Protein backbone atom coordinates (compact mmCIF):
# COMPACT_ATOMS: atom_id res chain seq x y z
CA MET A 1 -10.74 -15.87 -19.59
CA LYS A 2 -8.28 -17.75 -17.40
CA LYS A 3 -6.86 -16.03 -14.36
CA LEU A 4 -3.92 -13.80 -15.13
CA ASN A 5 -0.67 -14.64 -13.33
CA VAL A 6 1.15 -11.94 -11.35
CA ILE A 7 4.62 -11.57 -9.84
CA ASP A 8 4.96 -8.91 -7.14
CA MET A 9 8.49 -7.53 -6.70
CA PHE A 10 9.29 -5.63 -3.47
CA CYS A 11 5.98 -7.03 -2.25
CA GLY A 12 6.25 -6.16 1.44
CA CYS A 13 3.19 -7.54 3.19
CA GLY A 14 1.34 -7.54 -0.14
CA GLY A 15 -1.03 -4.60 -0.56
CA LEU A 16 -0.56 -4.59 -4.33
CA SER A 17 -0.96 -8.36 -4.54
CA LEU A 18 -4.10 -8.32 -2.44
CA GLY A 19 -5.67 -5.74 -4.74
CA PHE A 20 -4.90 -7.91 -7.76
CA ILE A 21 -6.30 -11.00 -6.02
CA GLN A 22 -9.48 -9.07 -5.18
CA SER A 23 -9.68 -8.24 -8.88
CA GLY A 24 -9.50 -11.93 -9.83
CA TYR A 25 -5.82 -12.40 -10.66
CA ASN A 26 -3.61 -15.27 -9.52
CA VAL A 27 -0.50 -14.16 -7.64
CA LEU A 28 2.34 -16.61 -8.18
CA LEU A 29 5.12 -15.06 -6.17
CA GLY A 30 5.99 -12.16 -3.91
CA ILE A 31 9.61 -11.08 -3.47
CA ASP A 32 11.00 -9.09 -0.55
CA LYS A 33 14.01 -9.05 1.77
CA GLU A 34 12.07 -8.49 5.02
CA GLU A 35 11.21 -11.87 6.50
CA SER A 36 8.40 -10.63 8.77
CA ALA A 37 6.69 -9.08 5.74
CA LEU A 38 7.11 -12.34 3.83
CA VAL A 39 5.47 -14.27 6.67
CA THR A 40 2.48 -11.93 6.44
CA PHE A 41 2.49 -12.26 2.64
CA ARG A 42 2.53 -16.07 2.68
CA GLU A 43 -0.36 -16.23 5.14
CA SER A 44 -2.65 -13.86 3.27
CA HIS A 45 -2.44 -14.42 -0.49
CA ASN A 46 -4.19 -17.66 -1.42
CA GLY A 47 -1.08 -19.79 -1.14
CA ALA A 48 1.22 -17.54 -3.18
CA LYS A 49 4.91 -18.07 -2.54
CA GLY A 50 6.83 -15.40 -0.69
CA MET A 51 10.60 -15.47 -1.20
CA ASN A 52 13.69 -13.52 -0.25
CA ILE A 53 15.45 -13.13 -3.59
CA ASP A 54 18.36 -10.70 -3.97
CA LEU A 55 17.14 -8.31 -6.67
CA PHE A 56 20.62 -6.77 -6.89
CA ASP A 57 21.91 -10.14 -8.10
CA ASP A 58 22.06 -10.34 -11.91
CA ASN A 59 20.81 -13.94 -11.76
CA PHE A 60 17.62 -13.19 -9.86
CA VAL A 61 15.41 -14.00 -12.88
CA ASN A 62 16.68 -17.58 -12.77
CA GLU A 63 15.56 -17.85 -9.15
CA ILE A 64 12.14 -16.54 -10.13
CA GLU A 65 11.91 -19.10 -12.92
CA ASN A 66 12.79 -21.90 -10.50
CA ALA A 67 10.12 -20.65 -8.09
CA ILE A 68 7.25 -20.46 -10.59
CA GLY A 69 8.09 -23.44 -12.79
CA ASP A 70 6.28 -23.50 -16.12
CA GLU A 71 3.76 -20.81 -15.24
CA THR A 72 3.29 -17.91 -17.65
CA VAL A 73 3.84 -14.44 -16.20
CA ASP A 74 1.09 -12.11 -17.42
CA VAL A 75 1.69 -9.09 -15.20
CA ILE A 76 4.66 -7.87 -13.17
CA VAL A 77 4.06 -5.33 -10.41
CA GLY A 78 6.34 -3.75 -7.86
CA GLY A 79 7.03 -0.83 -5.59
CA PRO A 80 10.81 -0.40 -5.34
CA PRO A 81 12.00 1.12 -2.04
CA CYS A 82 11.26 4.82 -2.02
CA GLN A 83 13.70 6.14 0.59
CA GLY A 84 15.87 7.74 -2.07
CA PHE A 85 12.89 9.62 -3.51
CA SER A 86 10.99 10.36 -0.32
CA LEU A 87 10.65 13.92 0.93
CA THR A 88 11.15 12.62 4.47
CA GLY A 89 14.55 11.05 3.82
CA PRO A 90 17.93 12.05 2.42
CA ARG A 91 17.92 12.70 -1.32
CA ASP A 92 21.02 11.07 -2.72
CA GLU A 93 21.08 10.68 -6.49
CA ASN A 94 23.59 7.85 -6.10
CA ASP A 95 21.54 5.94 -3.51
CA GLU A 96 21.54 2.38 -4.88
CA ARG A 97 17.90 1.98 -3.86
CA ASN A 98 17.01 4.58 -6.48
CA LYS A 99 18.07 2.11 -9.15
CA LEU A 100 16.06 -0.87 -7.92
CA TYR A 101 13.45 -0.12 -10.59
CA LEU A 102 16.04 -1.61 -12.93
CA SER A 103 15.21 -4.99 -11.35
CA VAL A 104 11.62 -4.59 -12.52
CA TYR A 105 12.96 -3.66 -15.96
CA LYS A 106 15.15 -6.79 -16.08
CA ALA A 107 12.25 -9.00 -15.02
CA VAL A 108 9.93 -7.45 -17.62
CA LYS A 109 12.60 -7.84 -20.30
CA HIS A 110 13.04 -11.50 -19.42
CA PHE A 111 9.42 -12.63 -18.91
CA GLU A 112 7.76 -10.29 -21.43
CA PRO A 113 4.47 -9.94 -19.53
CA LYS A 114 1.39 -8.42 -21.10
CA ALA A 115 1.52 -5.53 -18.61
CA PHE A 116 3.61 -4.10 -15.80
CA LEU A 117 3.00 -1.64 -12.97
CA ILE A 118 5.56 0.30 -10.91
CA GLU A 119 4.52 2.24 -7.78
CA ASN A 120 6.45 4.87 -5.87
CA VAL A 121 6.16 8.11 -3.94
CA PRO A 122 5.20 11.21 -5.96
CA GLY A 123 8.59 12.79 -5.28
CA MET A 124 10.36 10.39 -7.60
CA ALA A 125 8.68 12.06 -10.58
CA THR A 126 10.41 15.40 -10.05
CA MET A 127 13.51 14.45 -8.11
CA TYR A 128 16.79 14.99 -9.95
CA LYS A 129 14.93 17.17 -12.46
CA GLY A 130 12.72 14.31 -13.59
CA LYS A 131 15.59 12.19 -14.88
CA THR A 132 14.42 9.00 -13.15
CA LYS A 133 10.87 9.29 -14.47
CA GLU A 134 12.15 9.92 -18.01
CA HIS A 135 14.58 7.02 -17.75
CA ILE A 136 11.87 4.58 -16.62
CA ILE A 137 9.57 5.58 -19.48
CA LYS A 138 12.39 5.29 -22.05
CA LEU A 139 13.57 1.90 -20.77
CA PHE A 140 10.17 0.27 -21.04
CA THR A 141 9.25 2.06 -24.26
CA ASP A 142 12.39 0.57 -25.80
CA LEU A 143 11.10 -2.86 -24.75
CA GLY A 144 7.95 -2.27 -26.79
CA TYR A 145 5.57 -1.10 -24.05
CA ASN A 146 3.27 1.90 -24.19
CA VAL A 147 3.90 3.57 -20.84
CA ASN A 148 1.60 5.98 -19.01
CA PHE A 149 2.33 7.78 -15.74
CA ASP A 150 0.09 9.44 -13.19
CA ILE A 151 -0.13 10.36 -9.52
CA LEU A 152 -3.25 9.01 -7.85
CA LEU A 153 -4.92 9.96 -4.58
CA ALA A 154 -6.11 6.91 -2.65
CA ALA A 155 -9.16 8.73 -1.27
CA ASP A 156 -10.43 9.10 -4.85
CA TYR A 157 -10.80 5.30 -4.99
CA GLY A 158 -12.61 4.63 -1.72
CA VAL A 159 -9.62 4.49 0.63
CA PRO A 160 -10.08 6.57 3.81
CA GLN A 161 -6.65 8.16 3.48
CA MET A 162 -5.13 11.19 1.75
CA ARG A 163 -2.29 9.16 0.30
CA ARG A 164 -0.75 10.12 -3.05
CA ARG A 165 1.33 7.65 -5.00
CA ALA A 166 2.97 7.63 -8.43
CA PHE A 167 2.26 4.84 -10.90
CA PHE A 168 3.77 3.74 -14.20
CA VAL A 169 1.65 1.27 -16.17
CA GLY A 170 2.82 -0.29 -19.42
CA LEU A 171 0.88 -2.30 -21.99
CA LYS A 172 2.22 -3.96 -25.12
CA ASN A 173 -0.67 -3.28 -27.46
CA ASP A 174 -2.47 -0.23 -26.11
CA MET A 175 -2.03 2.99 -24.15
CA PHE A 176 -3.29 2.58 -20.61
CA GLU A 177 -5.78 5.11 -19.31
CA PHE A 178 -5.91 5.34 -15.53
CA PRO A 179 -9.26 4.48 -13.91
CA GLU A 180 -11.80 7.19 -13.29
CA ARG A 181 -12.05 8.13 -9.65
CA THR A 182 -15.00 6.69 -7.76
CA HIS A 183 -15.11 9.24 -4.93
CA THR A 184 -14.88 13.01 -4.55
CA PRO A 185 -14.27 15.20 -1.48
CA GLU A 186 -18.03 15.29 -0.94
CA ASN A 187 -18.22 11.54 -0.37
CA TYR A 188 -14.73 10.51 0.72
CA ILE A 189 -14.63 7.64 3.21
CA THR A 190 -13.70 9.19 6.56
CA CYS A 191 -11.80 7.98 9.61
CA GLY A 192 -15.09 7.60 11.45
CA ASP A 193 -16.56 5.62 8.55
CA ALA A 194 -13.53 3.33 8.69
CA ILE A 195 -12.79 2.58 12.33
CA SER A 196 -15.61 3.75 14.62
CA ASP A 197 -16.88 0.18 15.11
CA LEU A 198 -13.61 -1.14 16.56
CA PRO A 199 -13.20 -1.59 20.34
CA THR A 200 -12.18 1.70 21.98
CA LEU A 201 -9.42 0.25 24.21
CA GLU A 202 -10.27 2.88 26.80
CA SER A 203 -10.15 0.44 29.73
CA ASP A 204 -7.31 -1.82 28.58
CA LEU A 205 -4.80 -2.28 25.76
CA GLY A 206 -6.76 -5.13 24.17
CA SER A 207 -5.47 -8.51 23.04
CA GLU A 208 -4.95 -10.52 19.89
CA ASP A 209 -7.91 -12.03 18.04
CA VAL A 210 -10.80 -10.44 19.95
CA GLU A 211 -14.45 -10.63 18.95
CA TYR A 212 -16.31 -7.64 17.56
CA SER A 213 -18.06 -5.67 20.27
CA SER A 214 -20.46 -3.76 18.01
CA ILE A 215 -22.20 -4.06 14.67
CA PRO A 216 -20.84 -2.33 11.55
CA THR A 217 -22.45 1.05 10.96
CA THR A 218 -21.13 1.92 7.47
CA ASP A 219 -20.77 0.11 4.16
CA TYR A 220 -16.99 0.46 4.46
CA GLN A 221 -16.99 -1.30 7.83
CA LYS A 222 -19.12 -4.09 6.37
CA LEU A 223 -16.64 -4.42 3.50
CA MET A 224 -13.67 -4.62 5.88
CA ARG A 225 -15.40 -7.18 8.11
CA ARG A 226 -16.41 -9.58 5.34
CA ASN A 227 -15.44 -13.21 5.98
CA CYS A 228 -14.04 -12.37 9.41
CA ASN A 229 -15.30 -13.22 12.89
CA VAL A 230 -12.48 -11.80 15.02
CA ILE A 231 -10.30 -8.70 15.04
CA HIS A 232 -6.56 -9.20 14.58
CA ASN A 233 -3.74 -6.78 15.52
CA HIS A 234 -5.95 -4.44 17.56
CA ILE A 235 -3.69 -3.77 20.55
CA GLY A 236 -3.17 -0.33 22.04
CA THR A 237 0.06 1.43 23.01
CA ASN A 238 0.91 2.10 26.65
CA HIS A 239 1.68 5.82 26.52
CA THR A 240 3.14 7.76 29.43
CA GLU A 241 0.83 10.13 31.29
CA HIS A 242 2.80 13.05 29.82
CA VAL A 243 2.17 11.90 26.24
CA LYS A 244 -1.52 11.28 26.92
CA ASN A 245 -1.80 14.72 28.47
CA VAL A 246 -0.27 16.36 25.39
CA ILE A 247 -2.51 14.38 23.02
CA SER A 248 -5.57 15.38 25.03
CA GLN A 249 -4.86 19.04 24.28
CA VAL A 250 -4.82 18.55 20.48
CA PRO A 251 -8.26 19.25 18.98
CA GLU A 252 -9.80 16.91 16.41
CA GLY A 253 -8.02 17.50 13.11
CA GLY A 254 -5.32 19.60 14.79
CA ASN A 255 -1.57 19.24 15.33
CA HIS A 256 1.34 20.70 17.29
CA LYS A 257 0.41 24.22 16.14
CA ASP A 258 -2.76 23.99 18.22
CA LEU A 259 -0.96 23.19 21.47
CA PRO A 260 -0.49 25.83 24.19
CA PRO A 261 2.98 27.44 24.45
CA GLY A 262 5.48 25.09 26.06
CA VAL A 263 3.41 21.95 25.48
CA GLY A 264 4.70 19.22 23.18
CA ASP A 265 7.91 21.10 22.40
CA SER A 266 9.79 17.83 21.86
CA ARG A 267 8.05 17.49 18.47
CA LYS A 268 7.60 20.55 16.26
CA PHE A 269 7.81 19.22 12.69
CA ASN A 270 4.90 19.31 10.26
CA GLU A 271 3.18 16.03 11.18
CA ALA A 272 3.90 16.19 14.92
CA TRP A 273 1.00 15.61 17.32
CA THR A 274 -1.51 15.25 14.47
CA ARG A 275 -4.95 14.10 15.56
CA TYR A 276 -7.14 12.61 12.86
CA HIS A 277 -10.58 14.05 12.13
CA SER A 278 -13.57 11.71 12.29
CA LYS A 279 -15.23 13.46 9.33
CA LYS A 280 -12.20 13.37 7.02
CA PRO A 281 -9.85 10.74 5.58
CA SER A 282 -6.64 10.18 7.52
CA LYS A 283 -3.26 11.64 6.72
CA THR A 284 -0.82 9.33 4.92
CA ILE A 285 -0.16 6.29 7.11
CA ASP A 286 3.60 6.18 7.71
CA THR A 287 5.93 3.37 8.76
CA GLY A 288 6.21 4.61 12.33
CA HIS A 289 3.28 5.27 14.60
CA ARG A 290 4.27 8.08 16.92
CA ASN A 291 3.02 11.23 15.19
CA HIS A 292 -0.64 10.54 14.36
CA PHE A 293 -3.37 10.01 16.94
CA HIS A 294 -6.90 8.67 17.09
CA TYR A 295 -9.55 11.29 16.36
CA LYS A 296 -11.23 10.67 19.73
CA PHE A 297 -8.99 8.70 22.07
CA ASN A 298 -5.63 9.83 23.45
CA ARG A 299 -3.46 7.21 21.78
CA VAL A 300 -1.89 6.28 18.50
CA PRO A 301 -4.02 4.11 16.19
CA THR A 302 -3.58 0.37 16.51
CA ILE A 303 -2.17 -1.77 13.70
CA ARG A 304 -5.74 -2.76 12.80
CA GLU A 305 -6.99 0.81 12.75
CA ASN A 306 -4.18 1.84 10.42
CA ALA A 307 -4.80 -1.27 8.33
CA ARG A 308 -8.46 -0.25 8.01
CA LEU A 309 -7.33 3.24 6.93
CA GLN A 310 -5.16 1.51 4.31
CA SER A 311 -8.18 -0.62 3.20
CA PHE A 312 -6.81 -3.98 4.38
CA PRO A 313 -9.76 -6.21 5.32
CA ASP A 314 -9.95 -7.51 8.88
CA ASN A 315 -9.11 -11.08 7.88
CA PHE A 316 -5.66 -9.88 6.77
CA LYS A 317 -3.39 -10.59 9.76
CA PHE A 318 0.01 -8.94 10.20
CA TYR A 319 2.96 -10.83 11.69
CA GLY A 320 6.19 -9.83 13.38
CA THR A 321 6.92 -7.31 16.11
CA LYS A 322 4.73 -4.25 16.49
CA THR A 323 7.44 -2.15 14.85
CA GLN A 324 7.61 -4.56 11.91
CA GLN A 325 3.83 -4.61 11.58
CA ASN A 326 3.68 -0.82 11.53
CA ARG A 327 6.32 -0.79 8.80
CA GLN A 328 4.38 -3.35 6.77
CA VAL A 329 1.16 -1.35 6.97
CA GLY A 330 2.83 1.99 6.23
CA ASN A 331 4.82 0.73 3.24
CA ALA A 332 1.87 -0.98 1.55
CA VAL A 333 -0.14 0.12 -1.45
CA PRO A 334 -3.78 0.39 -0.30
CA PRO A 335 -5.48 -2.77 -1.61
CA LEU A 336 -8.59 -0.91 -2.83
CA LEU A 337 -6.41 1.44 -4.89
CA ALA A 338 -4.47 -1.55 -6.22
CA GLN A 339 -7.74 -3.26 -7.10
CA ALA A 340 -8.94 -0.25 -9.09
CA LEU A 341 -5.73 -0.38 -11.14
CA ALA A 342 -5.93 -4.16 -11.50
CA ASP A 343 -9.53 -3.94 -12.73
CA GLN A 344 -8.53 -1.36 -15.31
CA ILE A 345 -5.52 -3.36 -16.53
CA LYS A 346 -7.72 -6.45 -16.86
CA LYS A 347 -10.11 -4.59 -19.17
CA TYR A 348 -7.28 -4.00 -21.62
CA LEU A 349 -5.96 -7.56 -21.37
CA MET A 350 -9.44 -8.99 -21.93
CA MET A 351 -9.84 -6.84 -25.06
CA GLU A 352 -6.43 -8.03 -26.21
CA GLU A 353 -7.41 -11.67 -25.72
CA LEU A 354 -10.68 -11.20 -27.62
CA SER A 355 -8.78 -9.54 -30.46
CA GLU A 356 -6.34 -12.44 -30.62
CA ARG A 357 -9.18 -14.97 -30.78
CA LYS A 358 -10.78 -13.15 -33.68
CA THR A 359 -7.55 -13.27 -35.67
CA VAL A 360 -7.05 -17.01 -35.16
């Protein structure tokens, strides 16, 4: 079976694309409006193009055609911006970002791929009384796709993170069944499993492209370190003494509720002053970096530590400012979760190809 071609819309740095590449697909093109994310995408996806194409423009499919030439599009994937659906942002039914899934619809209608995948935050399924979810299913059903929807937990697929995301998957000739989970709470990959081998940064803030200072101690660390001799993006944050003092008073796995009265009062919301637990997966990695802290050291995780918790391998280097890199990591679909979905989609497409051969 030849490699299946993929287009990734709203690709960001390319977590979805990387998962599909790890599954054996060929990514033709990633589309995003954030240039720093596109730089990261271009450097890390086997030569795939990364382009800033206006997906609000009705002619965007023509730009895609010009970019990919005569290549066939087998799968279209994308995670439209989720700010309009997110529980952490304003919920405006008329937010134009809420309708960016229509760009995926237009692309699928034009290219007629064998399969499509849309990713978003779980809140989009129930927001506005479920109208968006129902609309997405109806739109693609009317195009001739069998659409299935589910909310998956990344930790169930070997990602050391309690991250839930919603997925729509559509197939032309079959009903997609989501992959069986590979992990349970008894054997989840933990923060310690994921990042305990990385330099501690206790004596300095580190520097770009440093050598490993210890051997991997878990299978997950070995997986993340494959084909890599140096550590990228592992630079600490220079906190004030006040911030370090507050962090030091948060127990492992605790948060602002565990602080003494009068300490850390500047942050009192749910995720404030959260310290990870070495024996548990992390909380959901967000696009900032100020609210979650290392399970042992009195600092926020580095870009590389958060990338490990997202299941990005160490040879995946992030570009841009530190703020931009944090946004890229936090917005991404964990590659191992994406790979599990890509593997499952490929099973159906392989069966479809075998069926077509038998009828010829």
